[in-house]
Amino acid sequence: MSPVLRILGKAFGWTLGGLAVSIFGAVAGLASDPGNEWIRQQVLDAAAPSFPHGELVIDSLDTDLLGRVEFLNVEIRDANQKRLVQVDSFSVEYNLLALLNKEVAIGAIRLEGPNVDLSVNEA
């Protein structure tokens, strides 16, 4: 084998190895507690325009990023901070690899402890 091919093969191998380590590090970092907090904040920031006269509150988020995400103590409040919707836990299990086939594969959706306040203040 020529020295040029050997060098190119090593460079290609090191590049692929470095990419794999980087991807693994990113997934592991996002699945950690600080990563979950960062994801939670991104969700809240993205949802904020949908609640112009209220707010979405998510106490915490737990995910392994590759197949499950769980939102804990979720609330939707109105402009007066009145709790309209509360959910103890909302989780979704999914198959991330299905996206490679341009499919969304949801294995399970769980909603635990829902509470909806439909009362109307007629005053």
N, C-alpha and C. Protein backbone atom coordinates (compact mmCIF):
# COMPACT_ATOMS: atom_id res chain seq x y z
N MET A 1 0.86 -1.17 0.00
CA MET A 1 0.00 0.00 0.00
C MET A 1 0.90 1.23 0.00
N SER A 2 0.51 2.20 -0.78
CA SER A 2 1.35 3.40 -0.89
C SER A 2 1.24 4.23 0.39
N PRO A 3 2.30 4.97 0.68
CA PRO A 3 2.29 5.82 1.89
C PRO A 3 1.17 6.87 1.86
N VAL A 4 0.82 7.36 0.69
CA VAL A 4 -0.24 8.37 0.59
C VAL A 4 -1.59 7.76 0.98
N LEU A 5 -1.89 6.56 0.48
CA LEU A 5 -3.14 5.89 0.84
C LEU A 5 -3.19 5.56 2.33
N ARG A 6 -2.05 5.16 2.87
CA ARG A 6 -1.99 4.86 4.30
C ARG A 6 -2.30 6.10 5.12
N ILE A 7 -1.71 7.23 4.74
CA ILE A 7 -1.95 8.49 5.45
C ILE A 7 -3.41 8.91 5.31
N LEU A 8 -3.97 8.79 4.10
CA LEU A 8 -5.37 9.14 3.88
C LEU A 8 -6.29 8.22 4.69
N GLY A 9 -5.97 6.93 4.75
CA GLY A 9 -6.77 5.99 5.53
C GLY A 9 -6.75 6.32 7.01
N LYS A 10 -5.58 6.63 7.52
CA LYS A 10 -5.46 7.00 8.94
C LYS A 10 -6.23 8.30 9.21
N ALA A 11 -6.09 9.28 8.32
CA ALA A 11 -6.80 10.55 8.52
C ALA A 11 -8.30 10.32 8.50
N PHE A 12 -8.76 9.47 7.57
CA PHE A 12 -10.19 9.17 7.50
C PHE A 12 -10.65 8.46 8.77
N GLY A 13 -9.87 7.49 9.24
CA GLY A 13 -10.21 6.76 10.47
C GLY A 13 -10.26 7.67 11.68
N TRP A 14 -9.26 8.54 11.81
CA TRP A 14 -9.25 9.47 12.94
C TRP A 14 -10.41 10.45 12.86
N THR A 15 -10.75 10.87 11.64
CA THR A 15 -11.88 11.79 11.48
C THR A 15 -13.19 11.12 11.89
N LEU A 16 -13.41 9.89 11.41
CA LEU A 16 -14.62 9.16 11.80
C LEU A 16 -14.66 8.90 13.30
N GLY A 17 -13.53 8.51 13.86
CA GLY A 17 -13.47 8.27 15.30
C GLY A 17 -13.77 9.53 16.09
N GLY A 18 -13.19 10.63 15.67
CA GLY A 18 -13.44 11.91 16.34
C GLY A 18 -14.89 12.34 16.23
N LEU A 19 -15.51 12.11 15.07
CA LEU A 19 -16.91 12.43 14.89
C LEU A 19 -17.79 11.57 15.80
N ALA A 20 -17.49 10.29 15.89
CA ALA A 20 -18.26 9.39 16.75
C ALA A 20 -18.15 9.81 18.21
N VAL A 21 -16.95 10.14 18.66
CA VAL A 21 -16.75 10.58 20.04
C VAL A 21 -17.49 11.89 20.29
N SER A 22 -17.46 12.79 19.31
CA SER A 22 -18.17 14.07 19.46
C SER A 22 -19.67 13.87 19.57
N ILE A 23 -20.22 13.00 18.73
CA ILE A 23 -21.67 12.73 18.78
C ILE A 23 -22.03 12.09 20.10
N PHE A 24 -21.26 11.10 20.52
CA PHE A 24 -21.52 10.44 21.80
C PHE A 24 -21.45 11.45 22.94
N GLY A 25 -20.45 12.32 22.92
CA GLY A 25 -20.31 13.34 23.96
C GLY A 25 -21.48 14.30 23.99
N ALA A 26 -21.96 14.70 22.80
CA ALA A 26 -23.11 15.61 22.74
C ALA A 26 -24.36 14.94 23.29
N VAL A 27 -24.61 13.69 22.92
CA VAL A 27 -25.79 12.98 23.41
C VAL A 27 -25.69 12.78 24.92
N ALA A 28 -24.53 12.36 25.40
CA ALA A 28 -24.35 12.16 26.84
C ALA A 28 -24.50 13.48 27.59
N GLY A 29 -23.98 14.55 27.02
CA GLY A 29 -24.10 15.86 27.67
C GLY A 29 -25.53 16.35 27.75
N LEU A 30 -26.29 16.18 26.67
CA LEU A 30 -27.68 16.61 26.67
C LEU A 30 -28.56 15.74 27.56
N ALA A 31 -28.18 14.48 27.75
CA ALA A 31 -28.96 13.59 28.60
C ALA A 31 -28.62 13.75 30.08
N SER A 32 -27.61 14.57 30.39
CA SER A 32 -27.23 14.81 31.79
C SER A 32 -28.18 15.83 32.40
N ASP A 33 -28.08 16.04 33.70
CA ASP A 33 -28.93 17.02 34.38
C ASP A 33 -28.78 18.43 33.79
N PRO A 34 -27.54 18.93 33.59
CA PRO A 34 -27.42 20.26 32.97
C PRO A 34 -27.96 20.28 31.54
N GLY A 35 -27.78 19.18 30.81
CA GLY A 35 -28.33 19.10 29.45
C GLY A 35 -29.83 19.10 29.45
N ASN A 36 -30.44 18.36 30.39
CA ASN A 36 -31.90 18.35 30.51
C ASN A 36 -32.42 19.74 30.85
N GLU A 37 -31.72 20.46 31.70
CA GLU A 37 -32.12 21.82 32.06
C GLU A 37 -32.03 22.74 30.84
N TRP A 38 -31.00 22.57 30.03
CA TRP A 38 -30.85 23.37 28.82
C TRP A 38 -32.00 23.08 27.85
N ILE A 39 -32.34 21.79 27.67
CA ILE A 39 -33.46 21.42 26.79
C ILE A 39 -34.77 21.99 27.32
N ARG A 40 -34.98 21.89 28.65
CA ARG A 40 -36.19 22.44 29.25
C ARG A 40 -36.33 23.93 28.95
N GLN A 41 -35.24 24.67 29.09
CA GLN A 41 -35.27 26.10 28.83
C GLN A 41 -35.55 26.39 27.36
N GLN A 42 -35.00 25.58 26.46
CA GLN A 42 -35.27 25.75 25.03
C GLN A 42 -36.75 25.53 24.72
N VAL A 43 -37.35 24.52 25.35
CA VAL A 43 -38.78 24.24 25.16
C VAL A 43 -39.61 25.43 25.66
N LEU A 44 -39.28 25.93 26.84
CA LEU A 44 -40.02 27.07 27.39
C LEU A 44 -39.89 28.31 26.51
N ASP A 45 -38.69 28.57 26.02
CA ASP A 45 -38.47 29.73 25.15
C ASP A 45 -39.24 29.59 23.84
N ALA A 46 -39.26 28.37 23.28
CA ALA A 46 -39.97 28.14 22.02
C ALA A 46 -41.48 28.23 22.21
N ALA A 47 -41.98 27.84 23.38
CA ALA A 47 -43.42 27.84 23.64
C ALA A 47 -43.93 29.21 24.07
N ALA A 48 -43.07 30.09 24.54
CA ALA A 48 -43.50 31.38 25.09
C ALA A 48 -44.42 32.18 24.16
N PRO A 49 -44.15 32.27 22.85
CA PRO A 49 -45.05 33.03 21.98
C PRO A 49 -46.47 32.45 21.90
N SER A 50 -46.62 31.19 22.23
CA SER A 50 -47.95 30.56 22.20
C SER A 50 -48.77 30.91 23.43
N PHE A 51 -48.15 31.55 24.41
CA PHE A 51 -48.82 31.92 25.66
C PHE A 51 -48.61 33.41 25.92
N PRO A 52 -49.14 34.29 25.03
CA PRO A 52 -48.87 35.72 25.18
C PRO A 52 -49.48 36.34 26.43
N HIS A 53 -50.54 35.74 26.97
CA HIS A 53 -51.18 36.29 28.16
C HIS A 53 -51.16 35.26 29.29
N GLY A 54 -50.14 34.47 29.34
CA GLY A 54 -50.01 33.44 30.35
C GLY A 54 -48.62 32.83 30.24
N GLU A 55 -48.50 31.63 30.78
CA GLU A 55 -47.18 31.01 30.68
C GLU A 55 -47.28 29.50 30.81
N LEU A 56 -46.28 28.86 30.25
CA LEU A 56 -46.08 27.43 30.40
C LEU A 56 -44.99 27.26 31.45
N VAL A 57 -45.23 26.37 32.41
CA VAL A 57 -44.25 26.09 33.46
C VAL A 57 -43.92 24.60 33.40
N ILE A 58 -42.64 24.29 33.35
CA ILE A 58 -42.17 22.90 33.41
C ILE A 58 -41.12 22.86 34.51
N ASP A 59 -41.41 22.12 35.60
CA ASP A 59 -40.45 22.06 36.70
C ASP A 59 -39.16 21.38 36.30
N SER A 60 -39.29 20.24 35.60
CA SER A 60 -38.07 19.54 35.18
C SER A 60 -38.36 18.66 33.99
N LEU A 61 -37.29 18.24 33.37
CA LEU A 61 -37.36 17.40 32.19
C LEU A 61 -36.34 16.30 32.35
N ASP A 62 -36.69 15.09 31.94
CA ASP A 62 -35.77 13.96 32.01
C ASP A 62 -35.81 13.24 30.68
N THR A 63 -34.66 13.03 30.09
CA THR A 63 -34.61 12.35 28.79
C THR A 63 -33.34 11.54 28.65
N ASP A 64 -33.43 10.48 27.86
CA ASP A 64 -32.22 9.79 27.44
C ASP A 64 -31.88 10.23 26.02
N LEU A 65 -32.69 11.11 25.46
CA LEU A 65 -32.53 11.75 24.17
C LEU A 65 -32.73 10.81 22.99
N LEU A 66 -32.49 9.54 23.14
CA LEU A 66 -32.57 8.62 22.02
C LEU A 66 -33.91 7.90 21.92
N GLY A 67 -34.71 7.92 22.99
CA GLY A 67 -35.96 7.18 22.91
C GLY A 67 -37.03 7.57 23.90
N ARG A 68 -36.75 8.56 24.75
CA ARG A 68 -37.73 8.91 25.78
C ARG A 68 -37.50 10.33 26.27
N VAL A 69 -38.61 11.03 26.48
CA VAL A 69 -38.56 12.35 27.13
C VAL A 69 -39.73 12.42 28.09
N GLU A 70 -39.48 12.97 29.27
CA GLU A 70 -40.53 13.10 30.28
C GLU A 70 -40.48 14.51 30.86
N PHE A 71 -41.65 15.15 30.84
CA PHE A 71 -41.81 16.48 31.44
C PHE A 71 -42.51 16.29 32.78
N LEU A 72 -41.96 16.89 33.83
CA LEU A 72 -42.51 16.72 35.17
C LEU A 72 -43.09 18.04 35.68
N ASN A 73 -44.27 17.93 36.33
CA ASN A 73 -44.96 19.08 36.91
C ASN A 73 -45.13 20.21 35.90
N VAL A 74 -45.96 19.95 34.91
CA VAL A 74 -46.23 20.90 33.84
C VAL A 74 -47.50 21.68 34.18
N GLU A 75 -47.46 23.00 33.99
CA GLU A 75 -48.62 23.84 34.25
C GLU A 75 -48.78 24.86 33.13
N ILE A 76 -50.03 25.18 32.84
CA ILE A 76 -50.35 26.31 31.98
C ILE A 76 -51.12 27.29 32.85
N ARG A 77 -50.62 28.53 32.91
CA ARG A 77 -51.23 29.56 33.76
C ARG A 77 -51.72 30.72 32.90
N ASP A 78 -52.77 31.37 33.39
CA ASP A 78 -53.26 32.54 32.67
C ASP A 78 -52.49 33.78 33.11
N ALA A 79 -52.92 34.94 32.63
CA ALA A 79 -52.21 36.19 32.93
C ALA A 79 -52.22 36.52 34.41
N ASN A 80 -53.22 36.02 35.16
CA ASN A 80 -53.30 36.25 36.60
C ASN A 80 -52.61 35.15 37.40
N GLN A 81 -51.84 34.33 36.72
CA GLN A 81 -51.12 33.20 37.34
C GLN A 81 -52.05 32.10 37.85
N LYS A 82 -53.31 32.11 37.40
CA LYS A 82 -54.24 31.05 37.77
C LYS A 82 -53.87 29.79 36.97
N ARG A 83 -53.79 28.68 37.66
CA ARG A 83 -53.44 27.41 37.02
C ARG A 83 -54.65 26.90 36.24
N LEU A 84 -54.53 26.81 34.94
CA LEU A 84 -55.62 26.31 34.09
C LEU A 84 -55.47 24.81 33.84
N VAL A 85 -54.24 24.37 33.63
CA VAL A 85 -53.95 22.96 33.36
C VAL A 85 -52.73 22.57 34.18
N GLN A 86 -52.80 21.39 34.79
CA GLN A 86 -51.65 20.85 35.50
C GLN A 86 -51.53 19.37 35.16
N VAL A 87 -50.31 18.93 34.96
CA VAL A 87 -50.03 17.53 34.69
C VAL A 87 -48.82 17.14 35.53
N ASP A 88 -48.94 16.07 36.31
CA ASP A 88 -47.81 15.62 37.12
C ASP A 88 -46.66 15.14 36.24
N SER A 89 -47.00 14.38 35.20
CA SER A 89 -45.98 13.83 34.32
C SER A 89 -46.55 13.64 32.92
N PHE A 90 -45.77 14.05 31.93
CA PHE A 90 -46.12 13.84 30.53
C PHE A 90 -44.89 13.24 29.87
N SER A 91 -45.03 12.02 29.35
CA SER A 91 -43.86 11.37 28.74
C SER A 91 -44.19 10.82 27.37
N VAL A 92 -43.16 10.77 26.54
CA VAL A 92 -43.28 10.24 25.19
C VAL A 92 -42.10 9.29 24.96
N GLU A 93 -42.42 8.10 24.48
CA GLU A 93 -41.38 7.15 24.06
C GLU A 93 -41.42 7.10 22.54
N TYR A 94 -40.26 7.19 21.90
CA TYR A 94 -40.20 7.28 20.45
C TYR A 94 -39.00 6.50 19.92
N ASN A 95 -39.03 6.27 18.63
CA ASN A 95 -37.93 5.59 17.95
C ASN A 95 -37.22 6.63 17.08
N LEU A 96 -36.10 7.10 17.54
CA LEU A 96 -35.36 8.15 16.84
C LEU A 96 -34.84 7.67 15.49
N LEU A 97 -34.48 6.40 15.39
CA LEU A 97 -33.94 5.87 14.14
C LEU A 97 -34.98 5.86 13.02
N ALA A 98 -36.26 5.88 13.37
CA ALA A 98 -37.30 5.90 12.34
C ALA A 98 -37.23 7.17 11.51
N LEU A 99 -36.66 8.24 12.06
CA LEU A 99 -36.52 9.48 11.29
C LEU A 99 -35.65 9.29 10.06
N LEU A 100 -34.75 8.31 10.09
CA LEU A 100 -33.92 8.03 8.92
C LEU A 100 -34.78 7.56 7.75
N ASN A 101 -35.93 6.97 8.02
CA ASN A 101 -36.87 6.54 6.99
C ASN A 101 -37.98 7.56 6.78
N LYS A 102 -37.78 8.78 7.29
CA LYS A 102 -38.75 9.86 7.19
C LYS A 102 -40.07 9.49 7.84
N GLU A 103 -40.00 8.79 8.96
CA GLU A 103 -41.17 8.40 9.73
C GLU A 103 -41.04 8.89 11.15
N VAL A 104 -42.16 9.16 11.77
CA VAL A 104 -42.20 9.48 13.19
C VAL A 104 -42.84 8.27 13.87
N ALA A 105 -42.09 7.61 14.74
CA ALA A 105 -42.58 6.40 15.41
C ALA A 105 -42.69 6.67 16.90
N ILE A 106 -43.93 6.78 17.39
CA ILE A 106 -44.20 7.00 18.80
C ILE A 106 -44.61 5.67 19.41
N GLY A 107 -43.88 5.23 20.42
CA GLY A 107 -44.19 3.97 21.08
C GLY A 107 -45.26 4.12 22.15
N ALA A 108 -45.20 5.22 22.89
CA ALA A 108 -46.17 5.42 23.97
C ALA A 108 -46.21 6.91 24.33
N ILE A 109 -47.39 7.35 24.72
CA ILE A 109 -47.59 8.69 25.29
C ILE A 109 -48.31 8.48 26.61
N ARG A 110 -47.72 9.01 27.68
CA ARG A 110 -48.32 8.85 29.00
C ARG A 110 -48.59 10.22 29.62
N LEU A 111 -49.78 10.33 30.20
CA LEU A 111 -50.19 11.54 30.90
C LEU A 111 -50.64 11.11 32.29
N GLU A 112 -49.92 11.56 33.31
CA GLU A 112 -50.23 11.16 34.68
C GLU A 112 -50.63 12.38 35.50
N GLY A 113 -51.70 12.24 36.25
CA GLY A 113 -52.17 13.30 37.16
C GLY A 113 -52.63 14.55 36.47
N PRO A 114 -53.47 14.43 35.41
CA PRO A 114 -53.95 15.66 34.78
C PRO A 114 -55.02 16.34 35.63
N ASN A 115 -55.02 17.65 35.59
CA ASN A 115 -56.00 18.45 36.31
C ASN A 115 -56.29 19.69 35.45
N VAL A 116 -57.55 19.85 35.04
CA VAL A 116 -57.94 20.97 34.20
C VAL A 116 -58.99 21.78 34.93
N ASP A 117 -58.77 23.09 35.05
CA ASP A 117 -59.71 23.99 35.72
C ASP A 117 -60.51 24.71 34.64
N LEU A 118 -61.79 24.37 34.53
CA LEU A 118 -62.66 24.98 33.53
C LEU A 118 -63.60 26.01 34.13
N SER A 119 -63.35 26.41 35.37
CA SER A 119 -64.24 27.37 36.00
C SER A 119 -64.12 28.74 35.33
N VAL A 120 -65.24 29.46 35.32
CA VAL A 120 -65.29 30.78 34.68
C VAL A 120 -65.67 31.79 35.74
N ASN A 121 -64.95 32.87 35.80
CA ASN A 121 -65.26 33.96 36.71
C ASN A 121 -66.23 34.90 36.01
N GLU A 122 -67.50 34.90 36.45
CA GLU A 122 -68.53 35.71 35.80
C GLU A 122 -68.64 37.09 36.38
N ALA A 123 -67.78 37.47 37.28
CA ALA A 123 -67.85 38.79 37.91
C ALA A 123 -67.37 39.88 36.99
